[in-house]
């Protein structure tokens, strides 16, 4: 047990909400090479064992929030340590559910120069967790996400129509939208 795990107990005692700095993915929870929980996995176990559950925050860019919803046992370091030791290898229930598949309905503008650098707004649904936008085989960052839109800047590409695909932070991708953007 690492000494820095103790910070968690201070917040648990006060019952405050926690913004999760990391996504609840296997890579963030479990160290497969060393076959042990990572610090984030131990923190999640501490929060769940002391009555916290996880929900999306009202600000999609910030990810999830741990909220105290139940009456929990008294949070102390010994109880926390025992719970973590008992859960080694039994952590899959801590994974976040997969995100909803993003859906593209429109790109504005839908045309731009082959040199790229066109600022585009993509509208649709389930876009809060989109982190990348694919224009054919070139992927660029997504910015300014809301639940119904993302913005990006087009990469260079030869003239003609291209398909566009959105990628969430957990790997879930939209169906490619054919001929969604035309390079001129």
N, C-alpha and C. Protein backbone atom coordinates (compact mmCIF):
# COMPACT_ATOMS: atom_id res chain seq x y z
N UNK A 1 0.84 -1.18 0.00
CA UNK A 1 0.00 0.00 0.00
C UNK A 1 0.89 1.24 0.00
N UNK A 2 0.57 2.18 -0.83
CA UNK A 2 1.36 3.39 -0.92
C UNK A 2 0.80 4.46 0.01
N UNK A 3 1.67 5.25 0.56
CA UNK A 3 1.26 6.30 1.49
C UNK A 3 0.35 7.31 0.79
N UNK A 4 0.58 7.57 -0.52
CA UNK A 4 -0.23 8.59 -1.18
C UNK A 4 -1.69 8.17 -1.36
N UNK A 5 -2.04 6.91 -1.10
CA UNK A 5 -3.44 6.50 -1.14
C UNK A 5 -4.24 7.17 -0.02
N UNK A 6 -3.58 7.63 0.99
CA UNK A 6 -4.27 8.21 2.15
C UNK A 6 -5.00 9.50 1.81
N UNK A 7 -4.61 10.23 0.78
CA UNK A 7 -5.33 11.47 0.43
C UNK A 7 -6.80 11.19 0.19
N UNK A 8 -7.07 10.02 -0.37
CA UNK A 8 -8.44 9.65 -0.68
C UNK A 8 -9.30 9.62 0.58
N UNK A 9 -8.75 9.10 1.64
CA UNK A 9 -9.53 8.98 2.87
C UNK A 9 -9.97 10.34 3.40
N UNK A 10 -9.17 11.36 3.19
CA UNK A 10 -9.56 12.70 3.66
C UNK A 10 -10.82 13.17 2.94
N UNK A 11 -10.87 12.99 1.63
CA UNK A 11 -12.05 13.37 0.88
C UNK A 11 -13.24 12.50 1.19
N UNK A 12 -13.00 11.21 1.40
CA UNK A 12 -14.09 10.29 1.73
C UNK A 12 -14.72 10.68 3.06
N UNK A 13 -13.91 11.06 4.03
CA UNK A 13 -14.43 11.47 5.33
C UNK A 13 -15.37 12.66 5.20
N UNK A 14 -15.05 13.58 4.30
CA UNK A 14 -15.90 14.76 4.18
C UNK A 14 -17.07 14.54 3.23
N UNK A 15 -17.09 13.42 2.49
CA UNK A 15 -18.22 13.10 1.61
C UNK A 15 -18.30 13.97 0.38
N UNK A 16 -17.20 14.61 0.00
CA UNK A 16 -17.23 15.49 -1.17
C UNK A 16 -17.25 14.68 -2.47
N UNK A 17 -17.72 15.31 -3.55
CA UNK A 17 -17.67 14.69 -4.87
C UNK A 17 -16.25 14.77 -5.40
N UNK A 18 -15.87 13.74 -6.16
CA UNK A 18 -14.54 13.69 -6.77
C UNK A 18 -14.71 13.72 -8.28
N UNK A 19 -14.00 14.59 -8.97
CA UNK A 19 -13.89 14.48 -10.42
C UNK A 19 -12.80 13.46 -10.68
N UNK A 20 -13.10 12.46 -11.48
CA UNK A 20 -12.10 11.44 -11.79
C UNK A 20 -11.14 11.99 -12.84
N UNK A 21 -9.86 12.01 -12.52
CA UNK A 21 -8.87 12.55 -13.45
C UNK A 21 -8.60 11.59 -14.60
N UNK A 22 -8.95 10.34 -14.44
CA UNK A 22 -8.73 9.33 -15.47
C UNK A 22 -10.05 8.65 -15.80
N UNK A 23 -10.12 8.08 -16.97
CA UNK A 23 -11.28 7.28 -17.36
C UNK A 23 -11.17 5.91 -16.70
N UNK A 24 -12.30 5.32 -16.41
CA UNK A 24 -12.31 3.99 -15.79
C UNK A 24 -12.12 2.91 -16.86
N UNK A 25 -10.88 2.81 -17.36
CA UNK A 25 -10.53 1.82 -18.38
C UNK A 25 -9.62 0.76 -17.76
N UNK A 26 -9.53 -0.37 -18.41
CA UNK A 26 -8.67 -1.45 -17.90
C UNK A 26 -7.24 -0.98 -17.74
N UNK A 27 -6.74 -0.25 -18.70
CA UNK A 27 -5.35 0.22 -18.66
C UNK A 27 -5.08 1.13 -17.46
N UNK A 28 -6.09 1.93 -17.09
CA UNK A 28 -5.93 2.85 -15.96
C UNK A 28 -6.12 2.18 -14.60
N UNK A 29 -6.82 1.05 -14.58
CA UNK A 29 -7.13 0.38 -13.31
C UNK A 29 -6.15 -0.74 -12.99
N UNK A 30 -5.76 -1.51 -13.99
CA UNK A 30 -4.99 -2.74 -13.76
C UNK A 30 -3.66 -2.70 -14.50
N UNK A 31 -2.58 -3.03 -13.80
CA UNK A 31 -1.24 -3.16 -14.38
C UNK A 31 -1.08 -4.62 -14.78
N UNK A 32 -1.32 -4.92 -16.05
CA UNK A 32 -1.29 -6.31 -16.53
C UNK A 32 0.11 -6.92 -16.45
N UNK A 33 1.14 -6.12 -16.64
CA UNK A 33 2.51 -6.65 -16.58
C UNK A 33 2.88 -7.13 -15.18
N UNK A 34 2.51 -6.36 -14.18
CA UNK A 34 2.86 -6.70 -12.80
C UNK A 34 1.71 -7.37 -12.05
N UNK A 35 0.57 -7.55 -12.73
CA UNK A 35 -0.59 -8.22 -12.16
C UNK A 35 -1.00 -7.63 -10.81
N UNK A 36 -1.24 -6.31 -10.85
CA UNK A 36 -1.68 -5.63 -9.63
C UNK A 36 -2.48 -4.38 -10.00
N UNK A 37 -3.23 -3.90 -9.03
CA UNK A 37 -4.00 -2.68 -9.23
C UNK A 37 -3.07 -1.48 -9.35
N UNK A 38 -3.43 -0.58 -10.21
CA UNK A 38 -2.72 0.71 -10.28
C UNK A 38 -3.29 1.60 -9.17
N UNK A 39 -2.67 2.72 -8.93
CA UNK A 39 -3.14 3.65 -7.90
C UNK A 39 -4.60 4.03 -8.15
N UNK A 40 -4.95 4.31 -9.40
CA UNK A 40 -6.33 4.69 -9.71
C UNK A 40 -7.30 3.57 -9.37
N UNK A 41 -6.92 2.32 -9.60
CA UNK A 41 -7.77 1.19 -9.23
C UNK A 41 -8.00 1.13 -7.73
N UNK A 42 -6.95 1.36 -6.96
CA UNK A 42 -7.09 1.37 -5.50
C UNK A 42 -8.00 2.51 -5.05
N UNK A 43 -7.85 3.66 -5.70
CA UNK A 43 -8.71 4.79 -5.35
C UNK A 43 -10.18 4.48 -5.64
N UNK A 44 -10.45 3.86 -6.78
CA UNK A 44 -11.83 3.50 -7.12
C UNK A 44 -12.41 2.52 -6.10
N UNK A 45 -11.61 1.55 -5.69
CA UNK A 45 -12.06 0.59 -4.68
C UNK A 45 -12.38 1.31 -3.38
N UNK A 46 -11.52 2.23 -2.99
CA UNK A 46 -11.77 3.01 -1.78
C UNK A 46 -13.08 3.77 -1.87
N UNK A 47 -13.29 4.42 -3.00
CA UNK A 47 -14.52 5.21 -3.14
C UNK A 47 -15.76 4.31 -3.13
N UNK A 48 -15.73 3.19 -3.87
CA UNK A 48 -16.92 2.33 -3.90
C UNK A 48 -17.16 1.67 -2.55
N UNK A 49 -16.11 1.31 -1.85
CA UNK A 49 -16.32 0.65 -0.56
C UNK A 49 -16.81 1.62 0.52
N UNK A 50 -16.65 2.91 0.28
CA UNK A 50 -17.12 3.90 1.24
C UNK A 50 -18.37 4.64 0.74
N UNK A 51 -19.16 3.98 -0.15
CA UNK A 51 -20.47 4.50 -0.50
C UNK A 51 -20.55 5.42 -1.71
N UNK A 52 -19.50 5.50 -2.51
CA UNK A 52 -19.53 6.36 -3.68
C UNK A 52 -19.93 5.56 -4.93
N UNK A 53 -20.63 6.22 -5.85
CA UNK A 53 -20.92 5.66 -7.17
C UNK A 53 -20.43 6.68 -8.20
N UNK A 54 -20.46 6.30 -9.46
CA UNK A 54 -19.91 7.15 -10.52
C UNK A 54 -21.01 7.57 -11.47
N UNK A 55 -20.94 8.82 -11.91
CA UNK A 55 -21.90 9.34 -12.89
C UNK A 55 -21.17 10.35 -13.77
N UNK A 56 -21.75 10.60 -14.95
CA UNK A 56 -21.19 11.62 -15.83
C UNK A 56 -21.36 12.98 -15.18
N UNK A 57 -20.36 13.83 -15.34
CA UNK A 57 -20.48 15.18 -14.78
C UNK A 57 -21.31 16.04 -15.72
N UNK A 58 -21.73 17.18 -15.23
CA UNK A 58 -22.48 18.09 -16.08
C UNK A 58 -21.59 18.77 -17.11
N UNK A 59 -20.28 18.63 -16.97
CA UNK A 59 -19.31 19.15 -17.93
C UNK A 59 -18.62 17.97 -18.59
N UNK A 60 -19.04 17.57 -19.80
CA UNK A 60 -18.53 16.35 -20.43
C UNK A 60 -17.01 16.29 -20.55
N UNK A 61 -16.37 17.44 -20.72
CA UNK A 61 -14.92 17.44 -20.85
C UNK A 61 -14.21 16.96 -19.59
N UNK A 62 -14.89 17.08 -18.45
CA UNK A 62 -14.27 16.69 -17.18
C UNK A 62 -14.49 15.22 -16.84
N UNK A 63 -15.27 14.52 -17.62
CA UNK A 63 -15.46 13.09 -17.37
C UNK A 63 -16.45 12.81 -16.27
N UNK A 64 -16.14 11.80 -15.47
CA UNK A 64 -17.07 11.33 -14.45
C UNK A 64 -16.82 11.97 -13.09
N UNK A 65 -17.84 11.85 -12.26
CA UNK A 65 -17.78 12.34 -10.88
C UNK A 65 -18.12 11.16 -9.97
N UNK A 66 -17.38 11.03 -8.87
CA UNK A 66 -17.72 10.06 -7.83
C UNK A 66 -18.58 10.79 -6.81
N UNK A 67 -19.77 10.25 -6.55
CA UNK A 67 -20.74 10.90 -5.67
C UNK A 67 -21.10 9.94 -4.55
N UNK A 68 -21.11 10.43 -3.33
CA UNK A 68 -21.51 9.58 -2.20
C UNK A 68 -23.02 9.43 -2.22
N UNK A 69 -23.47 8.20 -2.41
CA UNK A 69 -24.91 7.95 -2.52
C UNK A 69 -25.43 7.02 -1.44
N UNK A 70 -24.55 6.28 -0.82
CA UNK A 70 -25.01 5.32 0.16
C UNK A 70 -24.36 5.54 1.50
N UNK A 71 -24.95 4.89 2.48
CA UNK A 71 -24.34 4.90 3.81
C UNK A 71 -23.19 3.92 3.75
N UNK A 72 -22.06 4.35 4.16
CA UNK A 72 -20.86 3.52 4.03
C UNK A 72 -20.28 3.22 5.40
N UNK A 73 -19.44 2.21 5.39
CA UNK A 73 -18.70 1.91 6.61
C UNK A 73 -17.77 3.08 6.92
N UNK A 74 -17.32 3.15 8.13
CA UNK A 74 -16.42 4.23 8.53
C UNK A 74 -15.14 4.16 7.72
N UNK A 75 -14.81 5.22 6.99
CA UNK A 75 -13.60 5.18 6.18
C UNK A 75 -12.35 5.32 7.03
N UNK A 76 -11.61 4.25 7.13
CA UNK A 76 -10.33 4.31 7.82
C UNK A 76 -9.31 3.55 6.97
N UNK A 77 -8.05 3.78 7.22
CA UNK A 77 -7.02 3.22 6.36
C UNK A 77 -6.99 1.69 6.42
N UNK A 78 -7.21 1.10 7.58
CA UNK A 78 -7.16 -0.36 7.70
C UNK A 78 -8.29 -1.00 6.89
N UNK A 79 -9.49 -0.47 6.98
CA UNK A 79 -10.61 -0.99 6.20
C UNK A 79 -10.31 -0.85 4.71
N UNK A 80 -9.80 0.29 4.32
CA UNK A 80 -9.44 0.56 2.93
C UNK A 80 -8.39 -0.44 2.45
N UNK A 81 -7.35 -0.65 3.25
CA UNK A 81 -6.28 -1.58 2.88
C UNK A 81 -6.82 -3.00 2.72
N UNK A 82 -7.66 -3.45 3.62
CA UNK A 82 -8.24 -4.79 3.53
C UNK A 82 -9.09 -4.94 2.28
N UNK A 83 -9.88 -3.93 1.98
CA UNK A 83 -10.74 -3.97 0.79
C UNK A 83 -9.89 -4.05 -0.48
N UNK A 84 -8.84 -3.26 -0.56
CA UNK A 84 -7.96 -3.28 -1.73
C UNK A 84 -7.30 -4.65 -1.88
N UNK A 85 -6.81 -5.20 -0.79
CA UNK A 85 -6.15 -6.52 -0.86
C UNK A 85 -7.14 -7.61 -1.29
N UNK A 86 -8.36 -7.53 -0.84
CA UNK A 86 -9.38 -8.53 -1.19
C UNK A 86 -9.78 -8.42 -2.66
N UNK A 87 -9.60 -7.25 -3.25
CA UNK A 87 -10.05 -7.03 -4.62
C UNK A 87 -8.96 -7.23 -5.66
N UNK A 88 -7.76 -7.62 -5.30
CA UNK A 88 -6.71 -7.86 -6.29
C UNK A 88 -7.23 -8.88 -7.29
N UNK A 89 -7.24 -8.54 -8.56
CA UNK A 89 -7.72 -9.44 -9.60
C UNK A 89 -9.24 -9.44 -9.76
N UNK A 90 -9.95 -8.74 -8.90
CA UNK A 90 -11.43 -8.70 -8.95
C UNK A 90 -11.86 -7.24 -9.07
N UNK A 91 -11.64 -6.67 -10.23
CA UNK A 91 -11.83 -5.23 -10.40
C UNK A 91 -12.68 -4.86 -11.61
N UNK A 92 -13.09 -5.82 -12.39
CA UNK A 92 -13.79 -5.51 -13.65
C UNK A 92 -15.08 -4.72 -13.46
N UNK A 93 -15.70 -4.83 -12.30
CA UNK A 93 -16.92 -4.05 -12.04
C UNK A 93 -16.63 -2.56 -11.93
N UNK A 94 -15.35 -2.18 -11.85
CA UNK A 94 -14.98 -0.77 -11.76
C UNK A 94 -14.90 -0.10 -13.13
N UNK A 95 -14.91 -0.90 -14.20
CA UNK A 95 -14.80 -0.33 -15.55
C UNK A 95 -16.04 0.51 -15.88
N UNK A 96 -15.82 1.60 -16.56
CA UNK A 96 -16.94 2.42 -17.01
C UNK A 96 -17.67 1.69 -18.13
N UNK A 97 -18.97 1.86 -18.21
CA UNK A 97 -19.67 1.27 -19.35
C UNK A 97 -19.17 1.91 -20.64
N UNK A 98 -19.22 1.18 -21.76
CA UNK A 98 -18.75 1.81 -23.00
C UNK A 98 -19.57 3.05 -23.32
N UNK A 99 -18.92 3.98 -23.94
CA UNK A 99 -19.62 5.21 -24.29
C UNK A 99 -20.59 4.95 -25.44
N UNK A 100 -21.56 5.83 -25.59
CA UNK A 100 -22.51 5.73 -26.69
C UNK A 100 -21.80 6.07 -28.00
N UNK A 101 -22.18 5.37 -29.05
CA UNK A 101 -21.58 5.61 -30.36
C UNK A 101 -21.96 7.00 -30.87
N UNK A 102 -20.95 7.83 -31.23
CA UNK A 102 -21.29 9.14 -31.78
C UNK A 102 -21.94 9.00 -33.15
N UNK A 103 -22.81 9.93 -33.47
CA UNK A 103 -23.52 9.93 -34.75
C UNK A 103 -23.33 11.29 -35.40
N UNK A 104 -22.88 11.29 -36.65
CA UNK A 104 -22.67 12.54 -37.40
C UNK A 104 -23.93 12.85 -38.20
N UNK A 105 -24.42 14.09 -38.07
CA UNK A 105 -25.55 14.51 -38.91
C UNK A 105 -25.14 15.56 -39.93
N UNK A 106 -24.15 16.39 -39.63
CA UNK A 106 -23.74 17.43 -40.59
C UNK A 106 -22.35 17.96 -40.25
N UNK A 107 -21.68 18.50 -41.28
CA UNK A 107 -20.43 19.24 -41.13
C UNK A 107 -20.64 20.63 -41.69
N UNK A 108 -20.16 21.65 -40.96
CA UNK A 108 -20.28 23.03 -41.42
C UNK A 108 -18.94 23.72 -41.26
N UNK A 109 -18.33 24.21 -42.33
CA UNK A 109 -18.71 24.02 -43.72
C UNK A 109 -18.43 22.58 -44.16
N UNK A 110 -19.01 22.20 -45.28
CA UNK A 110 -18.83 20.84 -45.81
C UNK A 110 -17.81 20.81 -46.93
N UNK A 111 -17.17 21.95 -47.21
CA UNK A 111 -16.14 22.04 -48.25
C UNK A 111 -15.00 22.89 -47.74
N UNK A 112 -13.80 22.62 -48.27
CA UNK A 112 -12.65 23.42 -47.90
C UNK A 112 -11.47 23.11 -48.79
N UNK A 113 -10.42 23.92 -48.71
CA UNK A 113 -9.27 23.74 -49.59
C UNK A 113 -8.47 22.47 -49.29
N UNK A 114 -7.83 21.94 -50.33
CA UNK A 114 -7.01 20.73 -50.19
C UNK A 114 -5.84 20.97 -49.24
N UNK A 115 -5.45 22.22 -49.05
CA UNK A 115 -4.35 22.54 -48.13
C UNK A 115 -4.74 22.32 -46.68
N UNK A 116 -6.04 22.10 -46.41
CA UNK A 116 -6.50 21.89 -45.05
C UNK A 116 -6.66 23.19 -44.29
N UNK A 117 -6.66 23.11 -42.98
CA UNK A 117 -6.76 24.25 -42.06
C UNK A 117 -8.13 24.93 -42.07
N UNK A 118 -9.16 24.18 -42.49
CA UNK A 118 -10.53 24.71 -42.42
C UNK A 118 -11.12 24.34 -41.07
N UNK A 119 -11.61 25.32 -40.33
CA UNK A 119 -12.28 25.03 -39.05
C UNK A 119 -13.67 24.51 -39.35
N UNK A 120 -13.98 23.32 -38.83
CA UNK A 120 -15.24 22.64 -39.12
C UNK A 120 -15.97 22.35 -37.82
N UNK A 121 -17.28 22.56 -37.82
CA UNK A 121 -18.13 22.13 -36.72
C UNK A 121 -18.91 20.91 -37.19
N UNK A 122 -18.82 19.85 -36.42
CA UNK A 122 -19.54 18.61 -36.74
C UNK A 122 -20.67 18.49 -35.74
N UNK A 123 -21.89 18.34 -36.24
CA UNK A 123 -23.05 18.21 -35.36
C UNK A 123 -23.60 16.80 -35.43
N UNK A 124 -24.29 16.42 -34.38
CA UNK A 124 -24.87 15.08 -34.29
C UNK A 124 -25.31 14.80 -32.87
N UNK A 125 -25.04 13.57 -32.42
CA UNK A 125 -25.37 13.24 -31.03
C UNK A 125 -24.28 12.33 -30.45
N UNK A 126 -24.28 12.23 -29.11
CA UNK A 126 -23.31 11.42 -28.37
C UNK A 126 -21.87 11.86 -28.63
N UNK A 127 -21.61 13.14 -28.61
CA UNK A 127 -20.30 13.67 -28.96
C UNK A 127 -19.46 14.13 -27.77
N UNK A 128 -19.95 13.98 -26.57
CA UNK A 128 -19.24 14.51 -25.40
C UNK A 128 -17.86 13.87 -25.21
N UNK A 129 -17.69 12.61 -25.60
CA UNK A 129 -16.41 11.93 -25.36
C UNK A 129 -15.56 11.78 -26.62
N UNK A 130 -15.91 12.47 -27.70
CA UNK A 130 -15.13 12.42 -28.94
C UNK A 130 -13.80 13.13 -28.71
N UNK A 131 -12.70 12.47 -29.06
CA UNK A 131 -11.38 13.09 -28.91
C UNK A 131 -10.65 13.24 -30.24
N UNK A 132 -11.08 12.48 -31.27
CA UNK A 132 -10.40 12.53 -32.57
C UNK A 132 -11.43 12.49 -33.69
N UNK A 133 -11.04 13.10 -34.81
CA UNK A 133 -11.86 13.08 -36.02
C UNK A 133 -11.00 12.55 -37.15
N UNK A 134 -11.52 11.57 -37.86
CA UNK A 134 -10.80 11.01 -39.00
C UNK A 134 -11.36 11.54 -40.31
N UNK A 135 -10.48 12.11 -41.13
CA UNK A 135 -10.81 12.49 -42.50
C UNK A 135 -10.09 11.47 -43.36
N UNK A 136 -10.85 10.48 -43.86
CA UNK A 136 -10.27 9.31 -44.54
C UNK A 136 -9.28 8.67 -43.55
N UNK A 137 -7.99 8.63 -43.90
CA UNK A 137 -7.00 7.95 -43.05
C UNK A 137 -6.17 8.90 -42.20
N UNK A 138 -6.54 10.17 -42.16
CA UNK A 138 -5.81 11.14 -41.35
C UNK A 138 -6.68 11.53 -40.15
N UNK A 139 -6.10 11.42 -38.96
CA UNK A 139 -6.84 11.70 -37.73
C UNK A 139 -6.32 13.00 -37.12
N UNK A 140 -7.26 13.86 -36.72
CA UNK A 140 -6.91 15.13 -36.10
C UNK A 140 -7.68 15.26 -34.78
N UNK A 141 -7.21 16.11 -33.86
CA UNK A 141 -7.89 16.28 -32.57
C UNK A 141 -9.26 16.94 -32.70
N UNK A 142 -10.16 16.55 -31.83
CA UNK A 142 -11.47 17.21 -31.70
C UNK A 142 -11.37 18.18 -30.53
N UNK A 143 -12.07 19.31 -30.64
CA UNK A 143 -12.05 20.30 -29.56
C UNK A 143 -13.46 20.81 -29.31
N UNK A 144 -13.61 21.53 -28.22
CA UNK A 144 -14.87 22.22 -27.89
C UNK A 144 -16.09 21.30 -27.96
N UNK A 145 -15.98 20.15 -27.33
CA UNK A 145 -17.08 19.18 -27.35
C UNK A 145 -18.28 19.64 -26.54
N UNK A 146 -19.45 19.28 -27.06
CA UNK A 146 -20.69 19.29 -26.31
C UNK A 146 -21.34 17.95 -26.61
N UNK A 147 -22.52 17.72 -26.09
CA UNK A 147 -23.21 16.47 -26.38
C UNK A 147 -23.63 16.38 -27.85
N UNK A 148 -23.74 17.54 -28.52
CA UNK A 148 -24.25 17.54 -29.89
C UNK A 148 -23.30 18.13 -30.93
N UNK A 149 -22.09 18.50 -30.54
CA UNK A 149 -21.15 19.03 -31.54
C UNK A 149 -19.70 18.93 -31.08
N UNK A 150 -18.82 18.91 -32.08
CA UNK A 150 -17.38 19.01 -31.85
C UNK A 150 -16.82 19.91 -32.94
N UNK A 151 -15.65 20.45 -32.67
CA UNK A 151 -14.97 21.26 -33.68
C UNK A 151 -13.62 20.64 -33.96
N UNK A 152 -13.13 20.89 -35.16
CA UNK A 152 -11.83 20.39 -35.55
C UNK A 152 -11.30 21.25 -36.69
N UNK A 153 -10.07 21.01 -37.07
CA UNK A 153 -9.45 21.67 -38.21
C UNK A 153 -9.03 20.59 -39.20
N UNK A 154 -9.43 20.77 -40.45
CA UNK A 154 -9.15 19.73 -41.45
C UNK A 154 -7.66 19.59 -41.72
N UNK A 155 -7.23 18.35 -41.99
CA UNK A 155 -5.85 18.13 -42.43
C UNK A 155 -5.75 18.35 -43.95
N UNK A 156 -4.55 18.31 -44.50
CA UNK A 156 -4.38 18.38 -45.95
C UNK A 156 -4.92 17.09 -46.56
N UNK A 157 -5.38 17.20 -47.79
CA UNK A 157 -5.87 16.02 -48.49
C UNK A 157 -6.05 16.38 -49.96
N UNK A 158 -5.96 15.39 -50.82
CA UNK A 158 -6.21 15.63 -52.24
C UNK A 158 -7.66 16.03 -52.48
N UNK A 159 -7.91 16.66 -53.62
CA UNK A 159 -9.25 17.13 -53.95
C UNK A 159 -10.23 15.97 -54.05
N UNK A 160 -11.48 16.24 -53.66
CA UNK A 160 -12.54 15.25 -53.76
C UNK A 160 -13.22 15.01 -52.43
N UNK A 161 -14.33 14.25 -52.46
CA UNK A 161 -15.07 13.97 -51.22
C UNK A 161 -14.35 12.91 -50.37
N UNK A 162 -14.50 13.04 -49.04
CA UNK A 162 -13.90 12.07 -48.10
C UNK A 162 -14.95 11.68 -47.06
N UNK A 163 -14.73 10.52 -46.47
CA UNK A 163 -15.59 10.13 -45.35
C UNK A 163 -14.99 10.66 -44.06
N UNK A 164 -15.84 10.85 -43.08
CA UNK A 164 -15.43 11.38 -41.78
C UNK A 164 -15.90 10.42 -40.70
N UNK A 165 -15.02 10.16 -39.72
CA UNK A 165 -15.33 9.26 -38.61
C UNK A 165 -14.95 9.94 -37.31
N UNK A 166 -15.74 9.75 -36.26
CA UNK A 166 -15.45 10.28 -34.93
C UNK A 166 -14.99 9.15 -34.02
N UNK A 167 -14.04 9.45 -33.12
CA UNK A 167 -13.49 8.45 -32.21
C UNK A 167 -13.60 8.95 -30.77
N UNK A 168 -14.23 8.15 -29.90
CA UNK A 168 -14.32 8.48 -28.48
C UNK A 168 -13.04 8.10 -27.75
N UNK A 169 -12.92 8.57 -26.52
CA UNK A 169 -11.74 8.28 -25.70
C UNK A 169 -11.62 6.81 -25.32
N UNK A 170 -12.69 6.04 -25.41
CA UNK A 170 -12.62 4.62 -25.07
C UNK A 170 -12.59 3.72 -26.31
N UNK A 171 -12.37 4.33 -27.49
CA UNK A 171 -12.24 3.55 -28.71
C UNK A 171 -13.51 3.37 -29.50
N UNK A 172 -14.66 3.75 -28.95
CA UNK A 172 -15.92 3.63 -29.68
C UNK A 172 -15.89 4.66 -30.82
N UNK A 173 -16.25 4.22 -32.04
CA UNK A 173 -16.20 5.10 -33.21
C UNK A 173 -17.58 5.21 -33.85
N UNK A 174 -17.78 6.33 -34.53
CA UNK A 174 -19.01 6.51 -35.29
C UNK A 174 -18.94 5.66 -36.56
N UNK A 175 -20.09 5.48 -37.17
CA UNK A 175 -20.09 4.93 -38.51
C UNK A 175 -19.47 6.00 -39.41
N UNK A 176 -18.61 5.62 -40.37
CA UNK A 176 -18.07 6.64 -41.25
C UNK A 176 -19.19 7.34 -42.03
N UNK A 177 -19.14 8.64 -42.08
CA UNK A 177 -20.11 9.41 -42.86
C UNK A 177 -19.49 9.63 -44.24
N UNK A 178 -20.03 8.95 -45.24
CA UNK A 178 -19.48 9.00 -46.59
C UNK A 178 -19.70 10.36 -47.22
N UNK A 179 -18.70 10.81 -47.97
CA UNK A 179 -18.77 12.09 -48.69
C UNK A 179 -19.22 13.23 -47.78
N UNK A 180 -18.75 13.22 -46.55
CA UNK A 180 -19.15 14.22 -45.57
C UNK A 180 -18.46 15.55 -45.76
N UNK A 181 -17.24 15.51 -46.31
CA UNK A 181 -16.47 16.75 -46.54
C UNK A 181 -15.83 16.64 -47.90
N UNK A 182 -15.82 17.75 -48.63
CA UNK A 182 -15.23 17.77 -49.97
C UNK A 182 -14.07 18.75 -49.99
N UNK A 183 -12.90 18.24 -50.37
CA UNK A 183 -11.73 19.08 -50.57
C UNK A 183 -11.78 19.65 -51.98
N UNK A 184 -11.54 20.96 -52.08
CA UNK A 184 -11.57 21.62 -53.40
C UNK A 184 -10.23 22.25 -53.74
